[in-house]
Amino acid sequence: MKAESSYWVAMVHRASGIALVLFLPLHFWALARALEGETRLDAFLAWTQQPLVKASEWVIVVALAAHLACGLRVLGIELLPWSGRQKTLAAGAAGATVAVGLAFALAL
């Protein structure tokens, strides 16, 4: 059972990392709108108020929380003595991800 949960935590870590890699160029492109003038930035910011964009913001925040939580788990595996608590760490990573996602969703 322990190996199975570790597998899924590793898959979440990889998938969230891919989501962040795909998001970063879009984020830098959005920031570049500010360099093109106030009108372009205002138009972009108005576009971001669409429900699909808001949902995408939630997805990327959850991906960031998942990647952080799973990354901390990996650091724990690498730096701390090996123990039988790996399932607990995986559950903690999942719980932290859900908590951050809910907090962000409620703040929208």
PDB file of N, CA and C in Angstrom:
ATOM      1  N   MET A   1       0.828  -1.195   0.000  1.00  0.00           N
ATOM      2  CA  MET A   1       0.000   0.000   0.000  1.00  0.00           C
ATOM      3  C   MET A   1       0.870   1.255   0.000  1.00  0.00           C
ATOM      4  N   LYS A   2       1.965   1.222   0.729  1.00  0.00           N
ATOM      5  CA  LYS A   2       2.837   2.396   0.828  1.00  0.00           C
ATOM      6  C   LYS A   2       3.403   2.765  -0.531  1.00  0.00           C
ATOM      7  N   ALA A   3       3.834   1.777  -1.290  1.00  0.00           N
ATOM      8  CA  ALA A   3       4.411   2.060  -2.604  1.00  0.00           C
ATOM      9  C   ALA A   3       3.361   2.650  -3.533  1.00  0.00           C
ATOM     10  N   GLU A   4       2.117   2.185  -3.436  1.00  0.00           N
ATOM     11  CA  GLU A   4       1.060   2.699  -4.307  1.00  0.00           C
ATOM     12  C   GLU A   4       0.778   4.172  -4.019  1.00  0.00           C
ATOM     13  N   SER A   5       0.686   4.552  -2.756  1.00  0.00           N
ATOM     14  CA  SER A   5       0.426   5.962  -2.426  1.00  0.00           C
ATOM     15  C   SER A   5       1.611   6.831  -2.826  1.00  0.00           C
ATOM     16  N   SER A   6       2.821   6.329  -2.656  1.00  0.00           N
ATOM     17  CA  SER A   6       3.998   7.089  -3.077  1.00  0.00           C
ATOM     18  C   SER A   6       4.008   7.292  -4.582  1.00  0.00           C
ATOM     19  N   TYR A   7       3.543   6.299  -5.321  1.00  0.00           N
ATOM     20  CA  TYR A   7       3.463   6.426  -6.775  1.00  0.00           C
ATOM     21  C   TYR A   7       2.536   7.576  -7.161  1.00  0.00           C
ATOM     22  N   TRP A   8       1.353   7.635  -6.525  1.00  0.00           N
ATOM     23  CA  TRP A   8       0.396   8.679  -6.873  1.00  0.00           C
ATOM     24  C   TRP A   8       0.883  10.056  -6.441  1.00  0.00           C
ATOM     25  N   VAL A   9       1.557  10.145  -5.326  1.00  0.00           N
ATOM     26  CA  VAL A   9       2.122  11.425  -4.904  1.00  0.00           C
ATOM     27  C   VAL A   9       3.182  11.877  -5.914  1.00  0.00           C
ATOM     28  N   ALA A  10       3.995  10.945  -6.390  1.00  0.00           N
ATOM     29  CA  ALA A  10       5.011  11.280  -7.389  1.00  0.00           C
ATOM     30  C   ALA A  10       4.360  11.740  -8.692  1.00  0.00           C
ATOM     31  N   MET A  11       3.261  11.113  -9.076  1.00  0.00           N
ATOM     32  CA  MET A  11       2.561  11.514 -10.305  1.00  0.00           C
ATOM     33  C   MET A  11       1.946  12.911 -10.168  1.00  0.00           C
ATOM     34  N   VAL A  12       1.385  13.197  -8.992  1.00  0.00           N
ATOM     35  CA  VAL A  12       0.839  14.540  -8.741  1.00  0.00           C
ATOM     36  C   VAL A  12       1.961  15.572  -8.798  1.00  0.00           C
ATOM     37  N   HIS A  13       3.107  15.233  -8.240  1.00  0.00           N
ATOM     38  CA  HIS A  13       4.250  16.149  -8.250  1.00  0.00           C
ATOM     39  C   HIS A  13       4.687  16.451  -9.682  1.00  0.00           C
ATOM     40  N   ARG A  14       4.760  15.417 -10.501  1.00  0.00           N
ATOM     41  CA  ARG A  14       5.169  15.610 -11.892  1.00  0.00           C
ATOM     42  C   ARG A  14       4.121  16.383 -12.684  1.00  0.00           C
ATOM     43  N   ALA A  15       2.857  16.029 -12.521  1.00  0.00           N
ATOM     44  CA  ALA A  15       1.784  16.709 -13.256  1.00  0.00           C
ATOM     45  C   ALA A  15       1.685  18.181 -12.860  1.00  0.00           C
ATOM     46  N   SER A  16       1.822  18.468 -11.574  1.00  0.00           N
ATOM     47  CA  SER A  16       1.773  19.864 -11.146  1.00  0.00           C
ATOM     48  C   SER A  16       2.987  20.631 -11.655  1.00  0.00           C
ATOM     49  N   GLY A  17       4.130  19.977 -11.730  1.00  0.00           N
ATOM     50  CA  GLY A  17       5.318  20.620 -12.293  1.00  0.00           C
ATOM     51  C   GLY A  17       5.128  20.953 -13.758  1.00  0.00           C
ATOM     52  N   ILE A  18       4.515  20.050 -14.506  1.00  0.00           N
ATOM     53  CA  ILE A  18       4.243  20.307 -15.927  1.00  0.00           C
ATOM     54  C   ILE A  18       3.263  21.473 -16.067  1.00  0.00           C
ATOM     55  N   ALA A  19       2.235  21.506 -15.223  1.00  0.00           N
ATOM     56  CA  ALA A  19       1.270  22.611 -15.272  1.00  0.00           C
ATOM     57  C   ALA A  19       1.960  23.946 -15.014  1.00  0.00           C
ATOM     58  N   LEU A  20       2.886  23.963 -14.060  1.00  0.00           N
ATOM     59  CA  LEU A  20       3.612  25.204 -13.765  1.00  0.00           C
ATOM     60  C   LEU A  20       4.535  25.600 -14.906  1.00  0.00           C
ATOM     61  N   VAL A  21       5.161  24.625 -15.536  1.00  0.00           N
ATOM     62  CA  VAL A  21       6.032  24.913 -16.685  1.00  0.00           C
ATOM     63  C   VAL A  21       5.221  25.523 -17.828  1.00  0.00           C
ATOM     64  N   LEU A  22       4.017  25.027 -18.038  1.00  0.00           N
ATOM     65  CA  LEU A  22       3.160  25.571 -19.089  1.00  0.00           C
ATOM     66  C   LEU A  22       2.633  26.960 -18.723  1.00  0.00           C
ATOM     67  N   PHE A  23       2.432  27.188 -17.444  1.00  0.00           N
ATOM     68  CA  PHE A  23       1.892  28.468 -16.991  1.00  0.00           C
ATOM     69  C   PHE A  23       2.924  29.602 -17.056  1.00  0.00           C
ATOM     70  N   LEU A  24       4.167  29.329 -16.740  1.00  0.00           N
ATOM     71  CA  LEU A  24       5.159  30.403 -16.632  1.00  0.00           C
ATOM     72  C   LEU A  24       5.314  31.259 -17.886  1.00  0.00           C
ATOM     73  N   PRO A  25       5.421  30.683 -19.078  1.00  0.00           N
ATOM     74  CA  PRO A  25       5.511  31.558 -20.259  1.00  0.00           C
ATOM     75  C   PRO A  25       4.277  32.436 -20.433  1.00  0.00           C
ATOM     76  N   LEU A  26       3.101  31.906 -20.123  1.00  0.00           N
ATOM     77  CA  LEU A  26       1.878  32.723 -20.198  1.00  0.00           C
ATOM     78  C   LEU A  26       1.910  33.851 -19.169  1.00  0.00           C
ATOM     79  N   HIS A  27       2.443  33.555 -18.011  1.00  0.00           N
ATOM     80  CA  HIS A  27       2.555  34.574 -16.966  1.00  0.00           C
ATOM     81  C   HIS A  27       3.496  35.695 -17.404  1.00  0.00           C
ATOM     82  N   PHE A  28       4.634  35.342 -17.967  1.00  0.00           N
ATOM     83  CA  PHE A  28       5.575  36.364 -18.435  1.00  0.00           C
ATOM     84  C   PHE A  28       4.982  37.164 -19.592  1.00  0.00           C
ATOM     85  N   TRP A  29       4.223  36.498 -20.457  1.00  0.00           N
ATOM     86  CA  TRP A  29       3.552  37.202 -21.548  1.00  0.00           C
ATOM     87  C   TRP A  29       2.552  38.216 -20.983  1.00  0.00           C
ATOM     88  N   ALA A  30       1.814  37.801 -19.955  1.00  0.00           N
ATOM     89  CA  ALA A  30       0.848  38.708 -19.336  1.00  0.00           C
ATOM     90  C   ALA A  30       1.549  39.902 -18.699  1.00  0.00           C
ATOM     91  N   LEU A  31       2.667  39.656 -18.056  1.00  0.00           N
ATOM     92  CA  LEU A  31       3.421  40.762 -17.451  1.00  0.00           C
ATOM     93  C   LEU A  31       3.947  41.724 -18.516  1.00  0.00           C
ATOM     94  N   ALA A  32       4.249  41.197 -19.682  1.00  0.00           N
ATOM     95  CA  ALA A  32       4.744  42.051 -20.772  1.00  0.00           C
ATOM     96  C   ALA A  32       3.672  43.027 -21.240  1.00  0.00           C
ATOM     97  N   ARG A  33       2.397  42.719 -21.011  1.00  0.00           N
ATOM     98  CA  ARG A  33       1.321  43.643 -21.398  1.00  0.00           C
ATOM     99  C   ARG A  33       1.491  44.980 -20.686  1.00  0.00           C
ATOM    100  N   ALA A  34       2.026  44.952 -19.474  1.00  0.00           N
ATOM    101  CA  ALA A  34       2.239  46.194 -18.721  1.00  0.00           C
ATOM    102  C   ALA A  34       3.272  47.082 -19.403  1.00  0.00           C
ATOM    103  N   LEU A  35       4.221  46.486 -20.108  1.00  0.00           N
ATOM    104  CA  LEU A  35       5.254  47.260 -20.795  1.00  0.00           C
ATOM    105  C   LEU A  35       4.740  47.892 -22.082  1.00  0.00           C
ATOM    106  N   GLU A  36       3.608  47.406 -22.568  1.00  0.00           N
ATOM    107  CA  GLU A  36       3.050  47.910 -23.822  1.00  0.00           C
ATOM    108  C   GLU A  36       2.079  49.063 -23.618  1.00  0.00           C
ATOM    109  N   GLY A  37       1.873  49.446 -22.390  1.00  0.00           N
ATOM    110  CA  GLY A  37       1.015  50.583 -22.122  1.00  0.00           C
ATOM    111  C   GLY A  37      -0.195  50.227 -21.289  1.00  0.00           C
ATOM    112  N   GLU A  38      -0.768  51.268 -20.736  1.00  0.00           N
ATOM    113  CA  GLU A  38      -1.893  51.109 -19.824  1.00  0.00           C
ATOM    114  C   GLU A  38      -3.124  50.514 -20.518  1.00  0.00           C
ATOM    115  N   THR A  39      -3.374  50.894 -21.753  1.00  0.00           N
ATOM    116  CA  THR A  39      -4.544  50.399 -22.473  1.00  0.00           C
ATOM    117  C   THR A  39      -4.467  48.899 -22.683  1.00  0.00           C
ATOM    118  N   ARG A  40      -3.314  48.403 -23.115  1.00  0.00           N
ATOM    119  CA  ARG A  40      -3.147  46.955 -23.332  1.00  0.00           C
ATOM    120  C   ARG A  40      -3.277  46.178 -22.026  1.00  0.00           C
ATOM    121  N   LEU A  41      -2.698  46.722 -20.966  1.00  0.00           N
ATOM    122  CA  LEU A  41      -2.783  46.052 -19.671  1.00  0.00           C
ATOM    123  C   LEU A  41      -4.225  46.028 -19.175  1.00  0.00           C
ATOM    124  N   ASP A  42      -4.939  47.158 -19.299  1.00  0.00           N
ATOM    125  CA  ASP A  42      -6.330  47.200 -18.856  1.00  0.00           C
ATOM    126  C   ASP A  42      -7.198  46.221 -19.641  1.00  0.00           C
ATOM    127  N   ALA A  43      -6.946  46.097 -20.939  1.00  0.00           N
ATOM    128  CA  ALA A  43      -7.706  45.148 -21.757  1.00  0.00           C
ATOM    129  C   ALA A  43      -7.422  43.720 -21.302  1.00  0.00           C
ATOM    130  N   PHE A  44      -6.171  43.434 -21.015  1.00  0.00           N
ATOM    131  CA  PHE A  44      -5.821  42.093 -20.549  1.00  0.00           C
ATOM    132  C   PHE A  44      -6.457  41.810 -19.196  1.00  0.00           C
ATOM    133  N   LEU A  45      -6.403  42.771 -18.291  1.00  0.00           N
ATOM    134  CA  LEU A  45      -6.983  42.574 -16.963  1.00  0.00           C
ATOM    135  C   LEU A  45      -8.496  42.396 -17.037  1.00  0.00           C
ATOM    136  N   ALA A  46      -9.145  43.084 -17.964  1.00  0.00           N
ATOM    137  CA  ALA A  46     -10.585  42.885 -18.156  1.00  0.00           C
ATOM    138  C   ALA A  46     -10.860  41.469 -18.648  1.00  0.00           C
ATOM    139  N   TRP A  47     -10.005  40.963 -19.530  1.00  0.00           N
ATOM    140  CA  TRP A  47     -10.166  39.597 -20.042  1.00  0.00           C
ATOM    141  C   TRP A  47     -10.038  38.566 -18.927  1.00  0.00           C
ATOM    142  N   THR A  48      -9.198  38.844 -17.934  1.00  0.00           N
ATOM    143  CA  THR A  48      -8.969  37.882 -16.851  1.00  0.00           C
ATOM    144  C   THR A  48     -10.168  37.726 -15.922  1.00  0.00           C
ATOM    145  N   GLN A  49     -11.195  38.547 -16.075  1.00  0.00           N
ATOM    146  CA  GLN A  49     -12.377  38.442 -15.222  1.00  0.00           C
ATOM    147  C   GLN A  49     -13.359  37.367 -15.696  1.00  0.00           C
ATOM    148  N   GLN A  50     -13.070  36.715 -16.805  1.00  0.00           N
ATOM    149  CA  GLN A  50     -13.938  35.663 -17.322  1.00  0.00           C
ATOM    150  C   GLN A  50     -13.915  34.444 -16.385  1.00  0.00           C
ATOM    151  N   PRO A  51     -15.044  33.742 -16.289  1.00  0.00           N
ATOM    152  CA  PRO A  51     -15.113  32.580 -15.382  1.00  0.00           C
ATOM    153  C   PRO A  51     -14.080  31.491 -15.697  1.00  0.00           C
ATOM    154  N   LEU A  52     -13.806  31.229 -16.961  1.00  0.00           N
ATOM    155  CA  LEU A  52     -12.825  30.197 -17.306  1.00  0.00           C
ATOM    156  C   LEU A  52     -11.425  30.595 -16.842  1.00  0.00           C
ATOM    157  N   VAL A  53     -11.110  31.871 -16.939  1.00  0.00           N
ATOM    158  CA  VAL A  53      -9.800  32.348 -16.476  1.00  0.00           C
ATOM    159  C   VAL A  53      -9.729  32.243 -14.959  1.00  0.00           C
ATOM    160  N   LYS A  54     -10.816  32.595 -14.294  1.00  0.00           N
ATOM    161  CA  LYS A  54     -10.847  32.475 -12.822  1.00  0.00           C
ATOM    162  C   LYS A  54     -10.663  31.015 -12.400  1.00  0.00           C
ATOM    163  N   ALA A  55     -11.315  30.100 -13.108  1.00  0.00           N
ATOM    164  CA  ALA A  55     -11.158  28.671 -12.804  1.00  0.00           C
ATOM    165  C   ALA A  55      -9.724  28.231 -13.048  1.00  0.00           C
ATOM    166  N   SER A  56      -9.116  28.739 -14.113  1.00  0.00           N
ATOM    167  CA  SER A  56      -7.722  28.410 -14.411  1.00  0.00           C
ATOM    168  C   SER A  56      -6.789  28.924 -13.325  1.00  0.00           C
ATOM    169  N   GLU A  57      -7.089  30.090 -12.779  1.00  0.00           N
ATOM    170  CA  GLU A  57      -6.287  30.619 -11.665  1.00  0.00           C
ATOM    171  C   GLU A  57      -6.333  29.647 -10.481  1.00  0.00           C
ATOM    172  N   TRP A  58      -7.525  29.137 -10.195  1.00  0.00           N
ATOM    173  CA  TRP A  58      -7.667  28.194  -9.097  1.00  0.00           C
ATOM    174  C   TRP A  58      -6.843  26.943  -9.367  1.00  0.00           C
ATOM    175  N   VAL A  59      -6.908  26.430 -10.603  1.00  0.00           N
ATOM    176  CA  VAL A  59      -6.159  25.222 -10.964  1.00  0.00           C
ATOM    177  C   VAL A  59      -4.660  25.448 -10.773  1.00  0.00           C
ATOM    178  N   ILE A  60      -4.158  26.595 -11.196  1.00  0.00           N
ATOM    179  CA  ILE A  60      -2.713  26.833 -11.095  1.00  0.00           C
ATOM    180  C   ILE A  60      -2.296  27.021  -9.629  1.00  0.00           C
ATOM    181  N   VAL A  61      -3.157  27.611  -8.807  1.00  0.00           N
ATOM    182  CA  VAL A  61      -2.830  27.746  -7.379  1.00  0.00           C
ATOM    183  C   VAL A  61      -2.798  26.371  -6.720  1.00  0.00           C
ATOM    184  N   VAL A  62      -3.746  25.510  -7.058  1.00  0.00           N
ATOM    185  CA  VAL A  62      -3.750  24.148  -6.516  1.00  0.00           C
ATOM    186  C   VAL A  62      -2.511  23.395  -7.001  1.00  0.00           C
ATOM    187  N   ALA A  63      -2.150  23.567  -8.289  1.00  0.00           N
ATOM    188  CA  ALA A  63      -0.949  22.909  -8.820  1.00  0.00           C
ATOM    189  C   ALA A  63       0.298  23.390  -8.079  1.00  0.00           C
ATOM    190  N   LEU A  64       0.361  24.684  -7.802  1.00  0.00           N
ATOM    191  CA  LEU A  64       1.507  25.217  -7.069  1.00  0.00           C
ATOM    192  C   LEU A  64       1.558  24.647  -5.650  1.00  0.00           C
ATOM    193  N   ALA A  65       0.414  24.585  -4.987  1.00  0.00           N
ATOM    194  CA  ALA A  65       0.366  24.018  -3.624  1.00  0.00           C
ATOM    195  C   ALA A  65       0.753  22.543  -3.640  1.00  0.00           C
ATOM    196  N   ALA A  66       0.249  21.810  -4.637  1.00  0.00           N
ATOM    197  CA  ALA A  66       0.582  20.385  -4.736  1.00  0.00           C
ATOM    198  C   ALA A  66       2.070  20.190  -4.987  1.00  0.00           C
ATOM    199  N   HIS A  67       2.625  20.994  -5.877  1.00  0.00           N
ATOM    200  CA  HIS A  67       4.046  20.863  -6.199  1.00  0.00           C
ATOM    201  C   HIS A  67       4.906  21.195  -4.970  1.00  0.00           C
ATOM    202  N   LEU A  68       4.518  22.232  -4.238  1.00  0.00           N
ATOM    203  CA  LEU A  68       5.248  22.595  -3.023  1.00  0.00           C
ATOM    204  C   LEU A  68       5.155  21.485  -1.979  1.00  0.00           C
ATOM    205  N   ALA A  69       3.939  21.007  -1.735  1.00  0.00           N
ATOM    206  CA  ALA A  69       3.754  19.979  -0.701  1.00  0.00           C
ATOM    207  C   ALA A  69       4.487  18.687  -1.069  1.00  0.00           C
ATOM    208  N   CYS A  70       4.368  18.282  -2.319  1.00  0.00           N
ATOM    209  CA  CYS A  70       5.059  17.054  -2.749  1.00  0.00           C
ATOM    210  C   CYS A  70       6.573  17.246  -2.757  1.00  0.00           C
ATOM    211  N   GLY A  71       7.017  18.437  -3.103  1.00  0.00           N
ATOM    212  CA  GLY A  71       8.452  18.723  -3.079  1.00  0.00           C
ATOM    213  C   GLY A  71       9.014  18.673  -1.669  1.00  0.00           C
ATOM    214  N   LEU A  72       8.241  19.179  -0.709  1.00  0.00           N
ATOM    215  CA  LEU A  72       8.677  19.087   0.690  1.00  0.00           C
ATOM    216  C   LEU A  72       8.745  17.625   1.136  1.00  0.00           C
ATOM    217  N   ARG A  73       7.809  16.819   0.642  1.00  0.00           N
ATOM    218  CA  ARG A  73       7.843  15.389   0.950  1.00  0.00           C
ATOM    219  C   ARG A  73       9.108  14.750   0.390  1.00  0.00           C
ATOM    220  N   VAL A  74       9.455  15.107  -0.843  1.00  0.00           N
ATOM    221  CA  VAL A  74      10.673  14.564  -1.454  1.00  0.00           C
ATOM    222  C   VAL A  74      11.899  14.984  -0.645  1.00  0.00           C
ATOM    223  N   LEU A  75      11.939  16.240  -0.223  1.00  0.00           N
ATOM    224  CA  LEU A  75      13.059  16.692   0.612  1.00  0.00           C
ATOM    225  C   LEU A  75      13.119  15.896   1.913  1.00  0.00           C
ATOM    226  N   GLY A  76      11.952  15.630   2.488  1.00  0.00           N
ATOM    227  CA  GLY A  76      11.921  14.827   3.711  1.00  0.00           C
ATOM    228  C   GLY A  76      12.458  13.433   3.483  1.00  0.00           C
ATOM    229  N   ILE A  77      12.096  12.835   2.363  1.00  0.00           N
ATOM    230  CA  ILE A  77      12.590  11.490   2.044  1.00  0.00           C
ATOM    231  C   ILE A  77      14.101  11.513   1.871  1.00  0.00           C
ATOM    232  N   GLU A  78      14.591  12.546   1.193  1.00  0.00           N
ATOM    233  CA  GLU A  78      16.025  12.627   0.913  1.00  0.00           C
ATOM    234  C   GLU A  78      16.858  12.982   2.140  1.00  0.00           C
ATOM    235  N   LEU A  79      16.350  13.864   2.971  1.00  0.00           N
ATOM    236  CA  LEU A  79      17.183  14.419   4.046  1.00  0.00           C
ATOM    237  C   LEU A  79      16.920  13.826   5.419  1.00  0.00           C
ATOM    238  N   LEU A  80      15.737  13.257   5.628  1.00  0.00           N
ATOM    239  CA  LEU A  80      15.422  12.701   6.941  1.00  0.00           C
ATOM    240  C   LEU A  80      15.641  11.197   6.936  1.00  0.00           C
ATOM    241  N   PRO A  81      15.846  10.625   8.112  1.00  0.00           N
ATOM    242  CA  PRO A  81      16.003   9.171   8.159  1.00  0.00           C
ATOM    243  C   PRO A  81      14.741   8.476   7.647  1.00  0.00           C
ATOM    244  N   TRP A  82      14.923   7.372   6.950  1.00  0.00           N
ATOM    245  CA  TRP A  82      13.798   6.620   6.387  1.00  0.00           C
ATOM    246  C   TRP A  82      12.934   6.081   7.516  1.00  0.00           C
ATOM    247  N   SER A  83      11.614   6.239   7.370  1.00  0.00           N
ATOM    248  CA  SER A  83      10.694   5.741   8.387  1.00  0.00           C
ATOM    249  C   SER A  83       9.423   5.249   7.716  1.00  0.00           C
ATOM    250  N   GLY A  84       8.541   4.695   8.488  1.00  0.00           N
ATOM    251  CA  GLY A  84       7.275   4.203   7.974  1.00  0.00           C
ATOM    252  C   GLY A  84       6.220   5.285   7.850  1.00  0.00           C
ATOM    253  N   ARG A  85       6.585   6.528   7.980  1.00  0.00           N
ATOM    254  CA  ARG A  85       5.621   7.629   7.952  1.00  0.00           C
ATOM    255  C   ARG A  85       5.377   8.180   6.552  1.00  0.00           C
ATOM    256  N   GLN A  86       5.833   7.508   5.520  1.00  0.00           N
ATOM    257  CA  GLN A  86       5.686   8.048   4.165  1.00  0.00           C
ATOM    258  C   GLN A  86       4.222   8.244   3.781  1.00  0.00           C
ATOM    259  N   LYS A  87       3.356   7.343   4.201  1.00  0.00           N
ATOM    260  CA  LYS A  87       1.928   7.491   3.901  1.00  0.00           C
ATOM    261  C   LYS A  87       1.362   8.726   4.596  1.00  0.00           C
ATOM    262  N   THR A  88       1.812   8.978   5.808  1.00  0.00           N
ATOM    263  CA  THR A  88       1.374  10.165   6.534  1.00  0.00           C
ATOM    264  C   THR A  88       1.850  11.432   5.833  1.00  0.00           C
ATOM    265  N   LEU A  89       3.083  11.424   5.355  1.00  0.00           N
ATOM    266  CA  LEU A  89       3.590  12.588   4.623  1.00  0.00           C
ATOM    267  C   LEU A  89       2.814  12.806   3.331  1.00  0.00           C
ATOM    268  N   ALA A  90       2.460  11.740   2.641  1.00  0.00           N
ATOM    269  CA  ALA A  90       1.666  11.854   1.416  1.00  0.00           C
ATOM    270  C   ALA A  90       0.290  12.428   1.725  1.00  0.00           C
ATOM    271  N   ALA A  91      -0.330  11.957   2.798  1.00  0.00           N
ATOM    272  CA  ALA A  91      -1.638  12.480   3.190  1.00  0.00           C
ATOM    273  C   ALA A  91      -1.533  13.946   3.597  1.00  0.00           C
ATOM    274  N   GLY A  92      -0.454  14.301   4.260  1.00  0.00           N
ATOM    275  CA  GLY A  92      -0.233  15.697   4.631  1.00  0.00           C
ATOM    276  C   GLY A  92      -0.070  16.590   3.413  1.00  0.00           C
ATOM    277  N   ALA A  93       0.656  16.094   2.411  1.00  0.00           N
ATOM    278  CA  ALA A  93       0.822  16.852   1.171  1.00  0.00           C
ATOM    279  C   ALA A  93      -0.520  17.046   0.477  1.00  0.00           C
ATOM    280  N   ALA A  94      -1.329  16.005   0.433  1.00  0.00           N
ATOM    281  CA  ALA A  94      -2.657  16.111  -0.186  1.00  0.00           C
ATOM    282  C   ALA A  94      -3.543  17.068   0.608  1.00  0.00           C
ATOM    283  N   GLY A  95      -3.490  16.980   1.917  1.00  0.00           N
ATOM    284  CA  GLY A  95      -4.293  17.872   2.758  1.00  0.00           C
ATOM    285  C   GLY A  95      -3.893  19.331   2.599  1.00  0.00           C
ATOM    286  N   ALA A  96      -2.598  19.588   2.529  1.00  0.00           N
ATOM    287  CA  ALA A  96      -2.121  20.964   2.326  1.00  0.00           C
ATOM    288  C   ALA A  96      -2.580  21.492   0.975  1.00  0.00           C
ATOM    289  N   THR A  97      -2.557  20.638  -0.035  1.00  0.00           N
ATOM    290  CA  THR A  97      -2.995  21.040  -1.366  1.00  0.00           C
ATOM    291  C   THR A  97      -4.476  21.412  -1.355  1.00  0.00           C
ATOM    292  N   VAL A  98      -5.288  20.579  -0.736  1.00  0.00           N
ATOM    293  CA  VAL A  98      -6.729  20.842  -0.672  1.00  0.00           C
ATOM    294  C   VAL A  98      -6.994  22.119   0.126  1.00  0.00           C
ATOM    295  N   ALA A  99      -6.282  22.310   1.223  1.00  0.00           N
ATOM    296  CA  ALA A  99      -6.490  23.497   2.053  1.00  0.00           C
ATOM    297  C   ALA A  99      -6.166  24.778   1.292  1.00  0.00           C
ATOM    298  N   VAL A 100      -5.062  24.790   0.576  1.00  0.00           N
ATOM    299  CA  VAL A 100      -4.694  25.975  -0.196  1.00  0.00           C
ATOM    300  C   VAL A 100      -5.694  26.222  -1.309  1.00  0.00           C
ATOM    301  N   GLY A 101      -6.106  25.144  -1.987  1.00  0.00           N
ATOM    302  CA  GLY A 101      -7.092  25.278  -3.057  1.00  0.00           C
ATOM    303  C   GLY A 101      -8.413  25.833  -2.548  1.00  0.00           C
ATOM    304  N   LEU A 102      -8.886  25.344  -1.402  1.00  0.00           N
ATOM    305  CA  LEU A 102     -10.134  25.845  -0.837  1.00  0.00           C
ATOM    306  C   LEU A 102      -9.998  27.295  -0.377  1.00  0.00           C
ATOM    307  N   ALA A 103      -8.876  27.631   0.224  1.00  0.00           N
ATOM    308  CA  ALA A 103      -8.670  29.005   0.668  1.00  0.00           C
ATOM    309  C   ALA A 103      -8.678  29.963  -0.514  1.00  0.00           C
ATOM    310  N   PHE A 104      -8.026  29.576  -1.606  1.00  0.00           N
ATOM    311  CA  PHE A 104      -8.008  30.432  -2.783  1.00  0.00           C
ATOM    312  C   PHE A 104      -9.394  30.517  -3.413  1.00  0.00           C
ATOM    313  N   ALA A 105     -10.101  29.399  -3.486  1.00  0.00           N
ATOM    314  CA  ALA A 105     -11.442  29.400  -4.082  1.00  0.00           C
ATOM    315  C   ALA A 105     -12.392  30.274  -3.272  1.00  0.00           C
ATOM    316  N   LEU A 106     -12.294  30.234  -1.961  1.00  0.00           N
ATOM    317  CA  LEU A 106     -13.164  31.050  -1.116  1.00  0.00           C
ATOM    318  C   LEU A 106     -12.814  32.522  -1.203  1.00  0.00           C
ATOM    319  N   ALA A 107     -11.557  32.837  -1.513  1.00  0.00           N
ATOM    320  CA  ALA A 107     -11.139  34.225  -1.643  1.00  0.00           C
ATOM    321  C   ALA A 107     -11.589  34.834  -2.968  1.00  0.00           C
ATOM    322  N   LEU A 108     -11.911  34.008  -3.960  1.00  0.00           N
ATOM    323  CA  LEU A 108     -12.381  34.532  -5.251  1.00  0.00           C
ATOM    324  C   LEU A 108     -13.740  35.125  -5.029  1.00  0.00           C
TER     325      LEU A 108
END
